[in-house]
Amino acid sequence: MTDNKTTETTTSSLTDKEREAIAQMPYEEARDKLIQAVQALEAGGLNLDQSMRQWEIGEALAKRAQSLLNDVKAKLDAAQAEQATSADTAGTQSNLD
């Protein structure tokens, strides 16, 4: 009996150094470089390899930017929850401990 599942292999043109650089980028830099990658793709004129590379760069940058946004959202949610808890106990004996 043979297995009909296909194995999908992912090859990337990004080097470890490039991946590390993206992983260290602040949000604004990742966003700006993502915009550049999208513009390069939209402008056309790239061969298939160049297009794939821009797409891979864009994917890595988008993941980095989204990760940073998720981190900020989690911090804001935690701060709002803490503020709500503080507001619930404002003026009560429990906040004097």
PDB file of N, CA and C in Angstrom:
ATOM      1  N   MET A   1       0.851  -1.182   0.000  1.00  0.00           N
ATOM      2  CA  MET A   1       0.000   0.000   0.000  1.00  0.00           C
ATOM      3  C   MET A   1       0.891   1.237   0.000  1.00  0.00           C
ATOM      4  N   THR A   2       0.606   2.168  -0.869  1.00  0.00           N
ATOM      5  CA  THR A   2       1.430   3.369  -0.957  1.00  0.00           C
ATOM      6  C   THR A   2       0.701   4.537  -0.338  1.00  0.00           C
ATOM      7  N   ASP A   3       1.477   5.448   0.155  1.00  0.00           N
ATOM      8  CA  ASP A   3       0.938   6.650   0.769  1.00  0.00           C
ATOM      9  C   ASP A   3       0.783   7.707  -0.316  1.00  0.00           C
ATOM     10  N   ASN A   4      -0.421   8.218  -0.481  1.00  0.00           N
ATOM     11  CA  ASN A   4      -0.681   9.193  -1.531  1.00  0.00           C
ATOM     12  C   ASN A   4      -0.399  10.626  -1.100  1.00  0.00           C
ATOM     13  N   LYS A   5       0.042  10.817   0.120  1.00  0.00           N
ATOM     14  CA  LYS A   5       0.348  12.161   0.594  1.00  0.00           C
ATOM     15  C   LYS A   5       1.609  12.665  -0.096  1.00  0.00           C
ATOM     16  N   THR A   6       1.573  13.923  -0.462  1.00  0.00           N
ATOM     17  CA  THR A   6       2.769  14.517  -1.046  1.00  0.00           C
ATOM     18  C   THR A   6       3.510  15.273   0.036  1.00  0.00           C
ATOM     19  N   THR A   7       4.789  15.171  -0.017  1.00  0.00           N
ATOM     20  CA  THR A   7       5.613  15.888   0.947  1.00  0.00           C
ATOM     21  C   THR A   7       5.986  17.224   0.338  1.00  0.00           C
ATOM     22  N   GLU A   8       5.676  18.259   1.063  1.00  0.00           N
ATOM     23  CA  GLU A   8       5.961  19.593   0.578  1.00  0.00           C
ATOM     24  C   GLU A   8       7.273  20.060   1.185  1.00  0.00           C
ATOM     25  N   THR A   9       8.214  20.371   0.342  1.00  0.00           N
ATOM     26  CA  THR A   9       9.487  20.877   0.831  1.00  0.00           C
ATOM     27  C   THR A   9       9.539  22.367   0.577  1.00  0.00           C
ATOM     28  N   THR A  10      10.028  23.069   1.548  1.00  0.00           N
ATOM     29  CA  THR A  10      10.130  24.502   1.434  1.00  0.00           C
ATOM     30  C   THR A  10      11.590  24.881   1.333  1.00  0.00           C
ATOM     31  N   THR A  11      11.914  25.544   0.274  1.00  0.00           N
ATOM     32  CA  THR A  11      13.263  26.064   0.141  1.00  0.00           C
ATOM     33  C   THR A  11      13.162  27.571   0.154  1.00  0.00           C
ATOM     34  N   SER A  12      14.100  28.190   0.793  1.00  0.00           N
ATOM     35  CA  SER A  12      14.071  29.628   0.925  1.00  0.00           C
ATOM     36  C   SER A  12      15.369  30.209   0.407  1.00  0.00           C
ATOM     37  N   SER A  13      15.249  31.350  -0.211  1.00  0.00           N
ATOM     38  CA  SER A  13      16.446  32.032  -0.680  1.00  0.00           C
ATOM     39  C   SER A  13      17.006  32.959   0.391  1.00  0.00           C
ATOM     40  N   LEU A  14      16.314  33.084   1.521  1.00  0.00           N
ATOM     41  CA  LEU A  14      16.804  33.937   2.600  1.00  0.00           C
ATOM     42  C   LEU A  14      17.892  33.210   3.381  1.00  0.00           C
ATOM     43  N   THR A  15      18.941  33.933   3.670  1.00  0.00           N
ATOM     44  CA  THR A  15      20.023  33.357   4.460  1.00  0.00           C
ATOM     45  C   THR A  15      19.680  33.467   5.939  1.00  0.00           C
ATOM     46  N   ASP A  16      20.400  32.726   6.748  1.00  0.00           N
ATOM     47  CA  ASP A  16      20.203  32.823   8.197  1.00  0.00           C
ATOM     48  C   ASP A  16      20.474  34.246   8.673  1.00  0.00           C
ATOM     49  N   LYS A  17      21.469  34.880   8.077  1.00  0.00           N
ATOM     50  CA  LYS A  17      21.812  36.255   8.455  1.00  0.00           C
ATOM     51  C   LYS A  17      20.651  37.204   8.140  1.00  0.00           C
ATOM     52  N   GLU A  18      20.029  37.017   6.976  1.00  0.00           N
ATOM     53  CA  GLU A  18      18.882  37.853   6.605  1.00  0.00           C
ATOM     54  C   GLU A  18      17.698  37.599   7.533  1.00  0.00           C
ATOM     55  N   ARG A  19      17.463  36.343   7.850  1.00  0.00           N
ATOM     56  CA  ARG A  19      16.367  36.009   8.774  1.00  0.00           C
ATOM     57  C   ARG A  19      16.607  36.633  10.151  1.00  0.00           C
ATOM     58  N   GLU A  20      17.833  36.571  10.617  1.00  0.00           N
ATOM     59  CA  GLU A  20      18.174  37.153  11.917  1.00  0.00           C
ATOM     60  C   GLU A  20      17.996  38.669  11.885  1.00  0.00           C
ATOM     61  N   ALA A  21      18.414  39.297  10.790  1.00  0.00           N
ATOM     62  CA  ALA A  21      18.257  40.749  10.667  1.00  0.00           C
ATOM     63  C   ALA A  21      16.780  41.132  10.721  1.00  0.00           C
ATOM     64  N   ILE A  22      15.943  40.384  10.029  1.00  0.00           N
ATOM     65  CA  ILE A  22      14.505  40.656  10.047  1.00  0.00           C
ATOM     66  C   ILE A  22      13.943  40.434  11.446  1.00  0.00           C
ATOM     67  N   ALA A  23      14.403  39.395  12.117  1.00  0.00           N
ATOM     68  CA  ALA A  23      13.909  39.080  13.465  1.00  0.00           C
ATOM     69  C   ALA A  23      14.261  40.166  14.475  1.00  0.00           C
ATOM     70  N   GLN A  24      15.270  40.974  14.178  1.00  0.00           N
ATOM     71  CA  GLN A  24      15.691  42.038  15.089  1.00  0.00           C
ATOM     72  C   GLN A  24      15.129  43.411  14.717  1.00  0.00           C
ATOM     73  N   MET A  25      14.429  43.502  13.607  1.00  0.00           N
ATOM     74  CA  MET A  25      13.940  44.794  13.122  1.00  0.00           C
ATOM     75  C   MET A  25      12.845  45.353  14.010  1.00  0.00           C
ATOM     76  N   PRO A  26      12.886  46.668  14.221  1.00  0.00           N
ATOM     77  CA  PRO A  26      11.738  47.309  14.868  1.00  0.00           C
ATOM     78  C   PRO A  26      10.561  47.337  13.889  1.00  0.00           C
ATOM     79  N   TYR A  27       9.386  47.561  14.407  1.00  0.00           N
ATOM     80  CA  TYR A  27       8.171  47.521  13.593  1.00  0.00           C
ATOM     81  C   TYR A  27       8.251  48.443  12.375  1.00  0.00           C
ATOM     82  N   GLU A  28       8.655  49.684  12.598  1.00  0.00           N
ATOM     83  CA  GLU A  28       8.645  50.668  11.522  1.00  0.00           C
ATOM     84  C   GLU A  28       9.548  50.251  10.365  1.00  0.00           C
ATOM     85  N   GLU A  29      10.720  49.705  10.679  1.00  0.00           N
ATOM     86  CA  GLU A  29      11.633  49.266   9.627  1.00  0.00           C
ATOM     87  C   GLU A  29      11.054  48.072   8.869  1.00  0.00           C
ATOM     88  N   ALA A  30      10.485  47.124   9.594  1.00  0.00           N
ATOM     89  CA  ALA A  30       9.875  45.959   8.944  1.00  0.00           C
ATOM     90  C   ALA A  30       8.733  46.397   8.035  1.00  0.00           C
ATOM     91  N   ARG A  31       7.916  47.325   8.517  1.00  0.00           N
ATOM     92  CA  ARG A  31       6.790  47.830   7.722  1.00  0.00           C
ATOM     93  C   ARG A  31       7.287  48.522   6.451  1.00  0.00           C
ATOM     94  N   ASP A  32       8.298  49.382   6.600  1.00  0.00           N
ATOM     95  CA  ASP A  32       8.813  50.113   5.441  1.00  0.00           C
ATOM     96  C   ASP A  32       9.433  49.174   4.410  1.00  0.00           C
ATOM     97  N   LYS A  33      10.175  48.182   4.867  1.00  0.00           N
ATOM     98  CA  LYS A  33      10.786  47.223   3.944  1.00  0.00           C
ATOM     99  C   LYS A  33       9.720  46.328   3.298  1.00  0.00           C
ATOM    100  N   LEU A  34       8.659  46.034   4.032  1.00  0.00           N
ATOM    101  CA  LEU A  34       7.547  45.274   3.461  1.00  0.00           C
ATOM    102  C   LEU A  34       6.891  46.072   2.335  1.00  0.00           C
ATOM    103  N   ILE A  35       6.696  47.348   2.556  1.00  0.00           N
ATOM    104  CA  ILE A  35       6.125  48.212   1.520  1.00  0.00           C
ATOM    105  C   ILE A  35       7.011  48.199   0.279  1.00  0.00           C
ATOM    106  N   GLN A  36       8.320  48.265   0.481  1.00  0.00           N
ATOM    107  CA  GLN A  36       9.253  48.230  -0.652  1.00  0.00           C
ATOM    108  C   GLN A  36       9.149  46.910  -1.417  1.00  0.00           C
ATOM    109  N   ALA A  37       9.041  45.812  -0.691  1.00  0.00           N
ATOM    110  CA  ALA A  37       8.935  44.501  -1.342  1.00  0.00           C
ATOM    111  C   ALA A  37       7.648  44.407  -2.157  1.00  0.00           C
ATOM    112  N   VAL A  38       6.552  44.891  -1.599  1.00  0.00           N
ATOM    113  CA  VAL A  38       5.269  44.866  -2.310  1.00  0.00           C
ATOM    114  C   VAL A  38       5.340  45.751  -3.552  1.00  0.00           C
ATOM    115  N   GLN A  39       5.938  46.927  -3.408  1.00  0.00           N
ATOM    116  CA  GLN A  39       6.052  47.826  -4.556  1.00  0.00           C
ATOM    117  C   GLN A  39       6.899  47.206  -5.665  1.00  0.00           C
ATOM    118  N   ALA A  40       7.968  46.508  -5.287  1.00  0.00           N
ATOM    119  CA  ALA A  40       8.818  45.846  -6.283  1.00  0.00           C
ATOM    120  C   ALA A  40       8.028  44.781  -7.035  1.00  0.00           C
ATOM    121  N   LEU A  41       7.199  44.039  -6.309  1.00  0.00           N
ATOM    122  CA  LEU A  41       6.375  43.016  -6.959  1.00  0.00           C
ATOM    123  C   LEU A  41       5.309  43.643  -7.855  1.00  0.00           C
ATOM    124  N   GLU A  42       4.684  44.701  -7.371  1.00  0.00           N
ATOM    125  CA  GLU A  42       3.628  45.351  -8.143  1.00  0.00           C
ATOM    126  C   GLU A  42       4.166  46.033  -9.393  1.00  0.00           C
ATOM    127  N   ALA A  43       5.402  46.517  -9.329  1.00  0.00           N
ATOM    128  CA  ALA A  43       5.998  47.212 -10.468  1.00  0.00           C
ATOM    129  C   ALA A  43       6.260  46.265 -11.629  1.00  0.00           C
ATOM    130  N   GLY A  44       6.441  44.991 -11.299  1.00  0.00           N
ATOM    131  CA  GLY A  44       6.711  44.013 -12.346  1.00  0.00           C
ATOM    132  C   GLY A  44       8.148  44.124 -12.829  1.00  0.00           C
ATOM    133  N   GLY A  45       8.430  43.433 -13.898  1.00  0.00           N
ATOM    134  CA  GLY A  45       9.768  43.484 -14.461  1.00  0.00           C
ATOM    135  C   GLY A  45      10.760  42.551 -13.796  1.00  0.00           C
ATOM    136  N   LEU A  46      10.321  41.806 -12.795  1.00  0.00           N
ATOM    137  CA  LEU A  46      11.201  40.861 -12.118  1.00  0.00           C
ATOM    138  C   LEU A  46      11.052  39.491 -12.755  1.00  0.00           C
ATOM    139  N   ASN A  47      12.149  38.759 -12.795  1.00  0.00           N
ATOM    140  CA  ASN A  47      12.025  37.384 -13.270  1.00  0.00           C
ATOM    141  C   ASN A  47      11.440  36.533 -12.141  1.00  0.00           C
ATOM    142  N   LEU A  48      11.202  35.277 -12.407  1.00  0.00           N
ATOM    143  CA  LEU A  48      10.547  34.413 -11.427  1.00  0.00           C
ATOM    144  C   LEU A  48      11.349  34.305 -10.135  1.00  0.00           C
ATOM    145  N   ASP A  49      12.657  34.114 -10.240  1.00  0.00           N
ATOM    146  CA  ASP A  49      13.488  33.998  -9.038  1.00  0.00           C
ATOM    147  C   ASP A  49      13.466  35.280  -8.212  1.00  0.00           C
ATOM    148  N   GLN A  50      13.542  36.421  -8.883  1.00  0.00           N
ATOM    149  CA  GLN A  50      13.501  37.698  -8.177  1.00  0.00           C
ATOM    150  C   GLN A  50      12.141  37.915  -7.517  1.00  0.00           C
ATOM    151  N   SER A  51      11.093  37.540  -8.217  1.00  0.00           N
ATOM    152  CA  SER A  51       9.745  37.670  -7.652  1.00  0.00           C
ATOM    153  C   SER A  51       9.581  36.787  -6.422  1.00  0.00           C
ATOM    154  N   MET A  52      10.060  35.557  -6.510  1.00  0.00           N
ATOM    155  CA  MET A  52       9.967  34.644  -5.365  1.00  0.00           C
ATOM    156  C   MET A  52      10.762  35.179  -4.180  1.00  0.00           C
ATOM    157  N   ARG A  53      11.925  35.732  -4.447  1.00  0.00           N
ATOM    158  CA  ARG A  53      12.743  36.282  -3.367  1.00  0.00           C
ATOM    159  C   ARG A  53      12.017  37.456  -2.699  1.00  0.00           C
ATOM    160  N   GLN A  54      11.456  38.363  -3.501  1.00  0.00           N
ATOM    161  CA  GLN A  54      10.720  39.491  -2.926  1.00  0.00           C
ATOM    162  C   GLN A  54       9.530  39.000  -2.111  1.00  0.00           C
ATOM    163  N   TRP A  55       8.856  37.968  -2.614  1.00  0.00           N
ATOM    164  CA  TRP A  55       7.718  37.410  -1.886  1.00  0.00           C
ATOM    165  C   TRP A  55       8.176  36.828  -0.549  1.00  0.00           C
ATOM    166  N   GLU A  56       9.285  36.080  -0.546  1.00  0.00           N
ATOM    167  CA  GLU A  56       9.809  35.490   0.697  1.00  0.00           C
ATOM    168  C   GLU A  56      10.223  36.571   1.685  1.00  0.00           C
ATOM    169  N   ILE A  57      10.865  37.608   1.186  1.00  0.00           N
ATOM    170  CA  ILE A  57      11.239  38.725   2.053  1.00  0.00           C
ATOM    171  C   ILE A  57       9.982  39.355   2.631  1.00  0.00           C
ATOM    172  N   GLY A  58       8.995  39.595   1.779  1.00  0.00           N
ATOM    173  CA  GLY A  58       7.739  40.186   2.236  1.00  0.00           C
ATOM    174  C   GLY A  58       7.043  39.342   3.286  1.00  0.00           C
ATOM    175  N   GLU A  59       7.026  38.033   3.083  1.00  0.00           N
ATOM    176  CA  GLU A  59       6.409  37.132   4.065  1.00  0.00           C
ATOM    177  C   GLU A  59       7.123  37.223   5.415  1.00  0.00           C
ATOM    178  N   ALA A  60       8.440  37.207   5.398  1.00  0.00           N
ATOM    179  CA  ALA A  60       9.212  37.276   6.643  1.00  0.00           C
ATOM    180  C   ALA A  60       8.997  38.618   7.336  1.00  0.00           C
ATOM    181  N   LEU A  61       8.969  39.687   6.562  1.00  0.00           N
ATOM    182  CA  LEU A  61       8.742  41.016   7.134  1.00  0.00           C
ATOM    183  C   LEU A  61       7.328  41.143   7.698  1.00  0.00           C
ATOM    184  N   ALA A  62       6.343  40.605   6.997  1.00  0.00           N
ATOM    185  CA  ALA A  62       4.958  40.658   7.477  1.00  0.00           C
ATOM    186  C   ALA A  62       4.806  39.888   8.785  1.00  0.00           C
ATOM    187  N   LYS A  63       5.447  38.735   8.872  1.00  0.00           N
ATOM    188  CA  LYS A  63       5.387  37.948  10.112  1.00  0.00           C
ATOM    189  C   LYS A  63       6.032  38.704  11.264  1.00  0.00           C
ATOM    190  N   ARG A  64       7.164  39.362  10.992  1.00  0.00           N
ATOM    191  CA  ARG A  64       7.844  40.134  12.036  1.00  0.00           C
ATOM    192  C   ARG A  64       6.955  41.285  12.503  1.00  0.00           C
ATOM    193  N   ALA A  65       6.411  42.038  11.559  1.00  0.00           N
ATOM    194  CA  ALA A  65       5.562  43.170  11.917  1.00  0.00           C
ATOM    195  C   ALA A  65       4.332  42.702  12.694  1.00  0.00           C
ATOM    196  N   GLN A  66       3.704  41.614  12.259  1.00  0.00           N
ATOM    197  CA  GLN A  66       2.523  41.100  12.954  1.00  0.00           C
ATOM    198  C   GLN A  66       2.867  40.631  14.355  1.00  0.00           C
ATOM    199  N   SER A  67       4.017  40.007  14.509  1.00  0.00           N
ATOM    200  CA  SER A  67       4.456  39.552  15.827  1.00  0.00           C
ATOM    201  C   SER A  67       4.628  40.734  16.782  1.00  0.00           C
ATOM    202  N   LEU A  68       5.232  41.803  16.278  1.00  0.00           N
ATOM    203  CA  LEU A  68       5.409  42.996  17.111  1.00  0.00           C
ATOM    204  C   LEU A  68       4.067  43.627  17.464  1.00  0.00           C
ATOM    205  N   LEU A  69       3.147  43.671  16.514  1.00  0.00           N
ATOM    206  CA  LEU A  69       1.814  44.209  16.798  1.00  0.00           C
ATOM    207  C   LEU A  69       1.081  43.350  17.826  1.00  0.00           C
ATOM    208  N   ASN A  70       1.219  42.039  17.721  1.00  0.00           N
ATOM    209  CA  ASN A  70       0.596  41.138  18.691  1.00  0.00           C
ATOM    210  C   ASN A  70       1.161  41.365  20.086  1.00  0.00           C
ATOM    211  N   ASP A  71       2.479  41.587  20.176  1.00  0.00           N
ATOM    212  CA  ASP A  71       3.108  41.856  21.472  1.00  0.00           C
ATOM    213  C   ASP A  71       2.556  43.137  22.093  1.00  0.00           C
ATOM    214  N   VAL A  72       2.435  44.176  21.284  1.00  0.00           N
ATOM    215  CA  VAL A  72       1.908  45.448  21.780  1.00  0.00           C
ATOM    216  C   VAL A  72       0.455  45.283  22.217  1.00  0.00           C
ATOM    217  N   LYS A  73      -0.330  44.561  21.432  1.00  0.00           N
ATOM    218  CA  LYS A  73      -1.734  44.339  21.797  1.00  0.00           C
ATOM    219  C   LYS A  73      -1.839  43.600  23.125  1.00  0.00           C
ATOM    220  N   ALA A  74      -0.989  42.606  23.329  1.00  0.00           N
ATOM    221  CA  ALA A  74      -1.014  41.858  24.588  1.00  0.00           C
ATOM    222  C   ALA A  74      -0.671  42.773  25.762  1.00  0.00           C
ATOM    223  N   LYS A  75       0.299  43.656  25.569  1.00  0.00           N
ATOM    224  CA  LYS A  75       0.671  44.596  26.635  1.00  0.00           C
ATOM    225  C   LYS A  75      -0.465  45.569  26.923  1.00  0.00           C
ATOM    226  N   LEU A  76      -1.108  46.064  25.870  1.00  0.00           N
ATOM    227  CA  LEU A  76      -2.241  46.976  26.060  1.00  0.00           C
ATOM    228  C   LEU A  76      -3.405  46.279  26.755  1.00  0.00           C
ATOM    229  N   ASP A  77      -3.696  45.055  26.343  1.00  0.00           N
ATOM    230  CA  ASP A  77      -4.772  44.294  26.983  1.00  0.00           C
ATOM    231  C   ASP A  77      -4.476  44.083  28.464  1.00  0.00           C
ATOM    232  N   ALA A  78      -3.218  43.760  28.783  1.00  0.00           N
ATOM    233  CA  ALA A  78      -2.837  43.547  30.182  1.00  0.00           C
ATOM    234  C   ALA A  78      -2.962  44.845  30.975  1.00  0.00           C
ATOM    235  N   ALA A  79      -2.536  45.955  30.375  1.00  0.00           N
ATOM    236  CA  ALA A  79      -2.631  47.245  31.061  1.00  0.00           C
ATOM    237  C   ALA A  79      -4.086  47.638  31.282  1.00  0.00           C
ATOM    238  N   GLN A  80      -4.933  47.395  30.280  1.00  0.00           N
ATOM    239  CA  GLN A  80      -6.350  47.714  30.426  1.00  0.00           C
ATOM    240  C   GLN A  80      -7.010  46.840  31.484  1.00  0.00           C
ATOM    241  N   ALA A  81      -6.637  45.578  31.526  1.00  0.00           N
ATOM    242  CA  ALA A  81      -7.192  44.682  32.540  1.00  0.00           C
ATOM    243  C   ALA A  81      -6.757  45.127  33.929  1.00  0.00           C
ATOM    244  N   GLU A  82      -5.495  45.526  34.043  1.00  0.00           N
ATOM    245  CA  GLU A  82      -4.995  45.997  35.342  1.00  0.00           C
ATOM    246  C   GLU A  82      -5.697  47.288  35.745  1.00  0.00           C
ATOM    247  N   GLN A  83      -5.903  48.171  34.779  1.00  0.00           N
ATOM    248  CA  GLN A  83      -6.588  49.427  35.059  1.00  0.00           C
ATOM    249  C   GLN A  83      -8.039  49.169  35.466  1.00  0.00           C
ATOM    250  N   ALA A  84      -8.691  48.231  34.813  1.00  0.00           N
ATOM    251  CA  ALA A  84     -10.071  47.901  35.157  1.00  0.00           C
ATOM    252  C   ALA A  84     -10.146  47.332  36.566  1.00  0.00           C
ATOM    253  N   THR A  85      -9.171  46.499  36.923  1.00  0.00           N
ATOM    254  CA  THR A  85      -9.132  45.933  38.267  1.00  0.00           C
ATOM    255  C   THR A  85      -8.905  47.033  39.291  1.00  0.00           C
ATOM    256  N   SER A  86      -8.011  47.963  38.970  1.00  0.00           N
ATOM    257  CA  SER A  86      -7.741  49.079  39.882  1.00  0.00           C
ATOM    258  C   SER A  86      -8.969  49.959  40.038  1.00  0.00           C
ATOM    259  N   ALA A  87      -9.685  50.179  38.940  1.00  0.00           N
ATOM    260  CA  ALA A  87     -10.889  51.005  38.995  1.00  0.00           C
ATOM    261  C   ALA A  87     -11.980  50.324  39.809  1.00  0.00           C
ATOM    262  N   ASP A  88     -12.047  48.997  39.733  1.00  0.00           N
ATOM    263  CA  ASP A  88     -13.053  48.254  40.491  1.00  0.00           C
ATOM    264  C   ASP A  88     -12.825  48.367  41.988  1.00  0.00           C
ATOM    265  N   THR A  89     -11.558  48.507  42.385  1.00  0.00           N
ATOM    266  CA  THR A  89     -11.254  48.553  43.817  1.00  0.00           C
ATOM    267  C   THR A  89     -10.962  49.966  44.307  1.00  0.00           C
ATOM    268  N   ALA A  90     -11.072  50.963  43.433  1.00  0.00           N
ATOM    269  CA  ALA A  90     -10.796  52.344  43.830  1.00  0.00           C
ATOM    270  C   ALA A  90     -11.736  52.752  44.954  1.00  0.00           C
ATOM    271  N   GLY A  91     -11.146  53.305  45.987  1.00  0.00           N
ATOM    272  CA  GLY A  91     -11.933  53.778  47.111  1.00  0.00           C
ATOM    273  C   GLY A  91     -12.368  52.692  48.066  1.00  0.00           C
ATOM    274  N   THR A  92     -11.879  51.486  47.874  1.00  0.00           N
ATOM    275  CA  THR A  92     -12.220  50.400  48.781  1.00  0.00           C
ATOM    276  C   THR A  92     -11.016  50.055  49.632  1.00  0.00           C
ATOM    277  N   GLN A  93     -11.252  49.327  50.662  1.00  0.00           N
ATOM    278  CA  GLN A  93     -10.190  48.939  51.581  1.00  0.00           C
ATOM    279  C   GLN A  93      -9.143  48.055  50.893  1.00  0.00           C
ATOM    280  N   SER A  94      -9.534  47.292  49.856  1.00  0.00           N
ATOM    281  CA  SER A  94      -8.614  46.337  49.241  1.00  0.00           C
ATOM    282  C   SER A  94      -7.450  47.003  48.522  1.00  0.00           C
ATOM    283  N   ASN A  95      -7.580  48.250  48.111  1.00  0.00           N
ATOM    284  CA  ASN A  95      -6.462  48.892  47.432  1.00  0.00           C
ATOM    285  C   ASN A  95      -5.524  49.609  48.391  1.00  0.00           C
ATOM    286  N   LEU A  96      -5.777  49.510  49.661  1.00  0.00           N
ATOM    287  CA  LEU A  96      -4.918  50.152  50.654  1.00  0.00           C
ATOM    288  C   LEU A  96      -3.899  49.196  51.236  1.00  0.00           C
ATOM    289  N   ASP A  97      -3.974  47.928  50.882  1.00  0.00           N
ATOM    290  CA  ASP A  97      -3.055  46.930  51.433  1.00  0.00           C
ATOM    291  C   ASP A  97      -1.674  47.046  50.853  1.00  0.00           C
TER     292      ASP A  97
END
